[in-house]
């Protein structure tokens, strides 16, 4: 299990509900959460095979940006 972290522009409950079905269906994503109280809106994903590129592509399809955080 790997943890991926992204700086995003998912900044409210409405945005979270918009990405929920896409992240829930993303292959290799076990669980995820967005810290909307953090100024960088950090998305944390517990991954069992999902790549950073795949997550970024999924978020872009829904209209959001994600930048990898190390």
N, C-alpha and C. Protein backbone atom coordinates (compact mmCIF):
# COMPACT_ATOMS: atom_id res chain seq x y z
N UNK A 1 0.86 -1.19 0.00
CA UNK A 1 0.00 0.00 0.00
C UNK A 1 0.89 1.24 0.00
N UNK A 2 0.59 2.14 -0.90
CA UNK A 2 1.37 3.35 -1.05
C UNK A 2 0.48 4.55 -0.76
N UNK A 3 1.04 5.61 -0.20
CA UNK A 3 0.28 6.83 0.04
C UNK A 3 0.73 7.89 -0.96
N UNK A 4 -0.23 8.43 -1.71
CA UNK A 4 0.04 9.50 -2.66
C UNK A 4 -0.57 10.78 -2.12
N UNK A 5 0.16 11.89 -2.27
CA UNK A 5 -0.37 13.19 -1.82
C UNK A 5 -0.29 14.18 -2.97
N UNK A 6 -1.36 14.97 -3.10
CA UNK A 6 -1.45 15.96 -4.16
C UNK A 6 -1.95 17.28 -3.60
N UNK A 7 -1.40 18.37 -4.13
CA UNK A 7 -1.93 19.71 -3.88
C UNK A 7 -3.00 19.90 -4.96
N UNK A 8 -4.22 20.26 -4.56
CA UNK A 8 -5.32 20.34 -5.53
C UNK A 8 -6.06 21.67 -5.44
N UNK A 9 -7.05 21.82 -6.31
CA UNK A 9 -7.97 22.96 -6.22
C UNK A 9 -9.38 22.47 -5.86
N UNK A 10 -9.44 21.34 -5.15
CA UNK A 10 -10.70 20.80 -4.63
C UNK A 10 -10.92 21.51 -3.30
N UNK A 11 -11.76 22.53 -3.28
CA UNK A 11 -11.77 23.40 -2.10
C UNK A 11 -13.07 23.48 -1.31
N UNK A 12 -14.06 22.64 -1.63
CA UNK A 12 -15.30 22.69 -0.86
C UNK A 12 -16.03 21.35 -0.94
N UNK A 13 -17.06 21.22 -0.16
CA UNK A 13 -17.84 19.98 -0.16
C UNK A 13 -18.44 19.65 -1.51
N UNK A 14 -18.85 20.68 -2.24
CA UNK A 14 -19.41 20.47 -3.58
C UNK A 14 -18.36 19.88 -4.52
N UNK A 15 -17.13 20.39 -4.41
CA UNK A 15 -16.04 19.87 -5.24
C UNK A 15 -15.75 18.42 -4.87
N UNK A 16 -15.74 18.13 -3.58
CA UNK A 16 -15.48 16.76 -3.11
C UNK A 16 -16.55 15.83 -3.67
N UNK A 17 -17.82 16.25 -3.62
CA UNK A 17 -18.89 15.37 -4.11
C UNK A 17 -18.79 15.18 -5.63
N UNK A 18 -18.22 16.16 -6.33
CA UNK A 18 -18.04 16.05 -7.78
C UNK A 18 -16.97 15.00 -8.13
N UNK A 19 -15.88 14.95 -7.35
CA UNK A 19 -14.80 14.00 -7.65
C UNK A 19 -15.02 12.62 -7.04
N UNK A 20 -15.92 12.51 -6.05
CA UNK A 20 -16.13 11.25 -5.34
C UNK A 20 -16.38 10.05 -6.25
N UNK A 21 -17.35 10.10 -7.18
CA UNK A 21 -17.58 8.90 -8.00
C UNK A 21 -16.38 8.53 -8.86
N UNK A 22 -15.62 9.51 -9.29
CA UNK A 22 -14.46 9.24 -10.14
C UNK A 22 -13.32 8.61 -9.35
N UNK A 23 -13.04 9.15 -8.16
CA UNK A 23 -11.97 8.58 -7.34
C UNK A 23 -12.37 7.22 -6.77
N UNK A 24 -13.66 7.05 -6.46
CA UNK A 24 -14.12 5.76 -5.94
C UNK A 24 -14.01 4.66 -6.99
N UNK A 25 -14.13 5.03 -8.27
CA UNK A 25 -14.05 4.04 -9.35
C UNK A 25 -12.63 3.88 -9.88
N UNK A 26 -11.73 4.75 -9.46
CA UNK A 26 -10.34 4.70 -9.95
C UNK A 26 -9.70 3.38 -9.53
N UNK A 27 -9.19 2.67 -10.50
CA UNK A 27 -8.56 1.39 -10.22
C UNK A 27 -7.32 1.60 -9.35
N UNK A 28 -7.20 0.80 -8.30
CA UNK A 28 -6.04 0.87 -7.43
C UNK A 28 -6.17 1.84 -6.27
N UNK A 29 -7.26 2.62 -6.22
CA UNK A 29 -7.47 3.54 -5.09
C UNK A 29 -8.25 2.81 -4.02
N UNK A 30 -7.61 2.63 -2.86
CA UNK A 30 -8.27 1.94 -1.74
C UNK A 30 -9.12 2.92 -0.94
N UNK A 31 -8.56 4.09 -0.64
CA UNK A 31 -9.29 5.13 0.09
C UNK A 31 -8.65 6.47 -0.22
N UNK A 32 -9.39 7.53 0.05
CA UNK A 32 -8.88 8.87 -0.22
C UNK A 32 -9.60 9.89 0.64
N UNK A 33 -8.96 11.05 0.82
CA UNK A 33 -9.60 12.17 1.52
C UNK A 33 -8.94 13.47 1.08
N UNK A 34 -9.70 14.55 1.17
CA UNK A 34 -9.19 15.88 0.83
C UNK A 34 -9.29 16.73 2.08
N UNK A 35 -8.17 17.37 2.44
CA UNK A 35 -8.17 18.29 3.58
C UNK A 35 -8.48 19.68 3.05
N UNK A 36 -9.78 20.04 3.03
CA UNK A 36 -10.18 21.34 2.48
C UNK A 36 -9.84 22.49 3.42
N UNK A 37 -9.44 22.19 4.67
CA UNK A 37 -9.04 23.26 5.59
C UNK A 37 -7.58 23.65 5.37
N UNK A 38 -6.80 22.79 4.73
CA UNK A 38 -5.41 23.09 4.42
C UNK A 38 -5.38 24.07 3.25
N UNK A 39 -4.55 25.11 3.31
CA UNK A 39 -4.50 26.08 2.19
C UNK A 39 -4.14 25.43 0.85
N UNK A 40 -3.42 24.31 0.88
CA UNK A 40 -3.03 23.62 -0.35
C UNK A 40 -4.04 22.56 -0.79
N UNK A 41 -5.14 22.38 0.00
CA UNK A 41 -6.20 21.42 -0.35
C UNK A 41 -5.60 20.05 -0.66
N UNK A 42 -4.94 19.47 0.31
CA UNK A 42 -4.19 18.23 0.11
C UNK A 42 -5.12 17.03 -0.04
N UNK A 43 -4.96 16.32 -1.16
CA UNK A 43 -5.65 15.07 -1.44
C UNK A 43 -4.69 13.95 -1.07
N UNK A 44 -5.11 13.08 -0.16
CA UNK A 44 -4.31 11.93 0.25
C UNK A 44 -5.00 10.67 -0.24
N UNK A 45 -4.26 9.84 -0.96
CA UNK A 45 -4.82 8.61 -1.51
C UNK A 45 -4.02 7.42 -1.01
N UNK A 46 -4.72 6.43 -0.50
CA UNK A 46 -4.11 5.14 -0.17
C UNK A 46 -4.23 4.31 -1.44
N UNK A 47 -3.09 4.01 -2.03
CA UNK A 47 -3.07 3.38 -3.35
C UNK A 47 -2.59 1.94 -3.28
N UNK A 48 -3.30 1.11 -4.01
CA UNK A 48 -2.88 -0.27 -4.18
C UNK A 48 -2.70 -0.51 -5.68
N UNK A 49 -1.86 0.33 -6.28
CA UNK A 49 -1.58 0.19 -7.70
C UNK A 49 -1.90 1.41 -8.55
N UNK A 50 -2.65 2.37 -8.03
CA UNK A 50 -2.96 3.58 -8.81
C UNK A 50 -1.70 4.44 -8.90
N UNK A 51 -1.44 4.97 -10.10
CA UNK A 51 -0.26 5.81 -10.28
C UNK A 51 -0.64 7.29 -10.11
N UNK A 52 0.38 8.11 -9.84
CA UNK A 52 0.15 9.55 -9.73
C UNK A 52 -0.44 10.08 -11.03
N UNK A 53 0.08 9.59 -12.17
CA UNK A 53 -0.39 10.07 -13.47
C UNK A 53 -1.86 9.73 -13.68
N UNK A 54 -2.26 8.52 -13.28
CA UNK A 54 -3.66 8.11 -13.45
C UNK A 54 -4.59 8.97 -12.61
N UNK A 55 -4.19 9.27 -11.38
CA UNK A 55 -5.01 10.11 -10.50
C UNK A 55 -5.12 11.52 -11.08
N UNK A 56 -4.00 12.07 -11.52
CA UNK A 56 -4.01 13.41 -12.12
C UNK A 56 -4.93 13.45 -13.34
N UNK A 57 -4.85 12.42 -14.19
CA UNK A 57 -5.69 12.37 -15.39
C UNK A 57 -7.17 12.30 -15.03
N UNK A 58 -7.49 11.51 -14.01
CA UNK A 58 -8.88 11.40 -13.56
C UNK A 58 -9.40 12.74 -13.07
N UNK A 59 -8.61 13.44 -12.26
CA UNK A 59 -9.04 14.74 -11.74
C UNK A 59 -9.17 15.77 -12.86
N UNK A 60 -8.27 15.72 -13.84
CA UNK A 60 -8.36 16.66 -14.96
C UNK A 60 -9.64 16.45 -15.76
N UNK A 61 -10.07 15.19 -15.90
CA UNK A 61 -11.32 14.89 -16.62
C UNK A 61 -12.51 15.58 -15.97
N UNK A 62 -12.46 15.72 -14.64
CA UNK A 62 -13.56 16.32 -13.90
C UNK A 62 -13.37 17.83 -13.75
N UNK A 63 -12.22 18.35 -14.20
CA UNK A 63 -11.99 19.78 -14.17
C UNK A 63 -11.17 20.28 -13.00
N UNK A 64 -10.42 19.39 -12.36
CA UNK A 64 -9.59 19.79 -11.23
C UNK A 64 -8.12 19.56 -11.53
N UNK A 65 -7.27 20.31 -10.82
CA UNK A 65 -5.83 20.19 -10.99
C UNK A 65 -5.25 19.45 -9.78
N UNK A 66 -4.19 18.70 -10.03
CA UNK A 66 -3.48 18.02 -8.94
C UNK A 66 -1.99 18.08 -9.23
N UNK A 67 -1.25 18.41 -8.19
CA UNK A 67 0.20 18.51 -8.29
C UNK A 67 0.79 17.61 -7.21
N UNK A 68 1.70 16.73 -7.57
CA UNK A 68 2.28 15.80 -6.60
C UNK A 68 3.02 16.54 -5.50
N UNK A 69 2.85 16.05 -4.28
CA UNK A 69 3.55 16.60 -3.11
C UNK A 69 4.41 15.47 -2.57
N UNK A 70 5.68 15.79 -2.27
CA UNK A 70 6.56 14.74 -1.74
C UNK A 70 6.72 14.86 -0.25
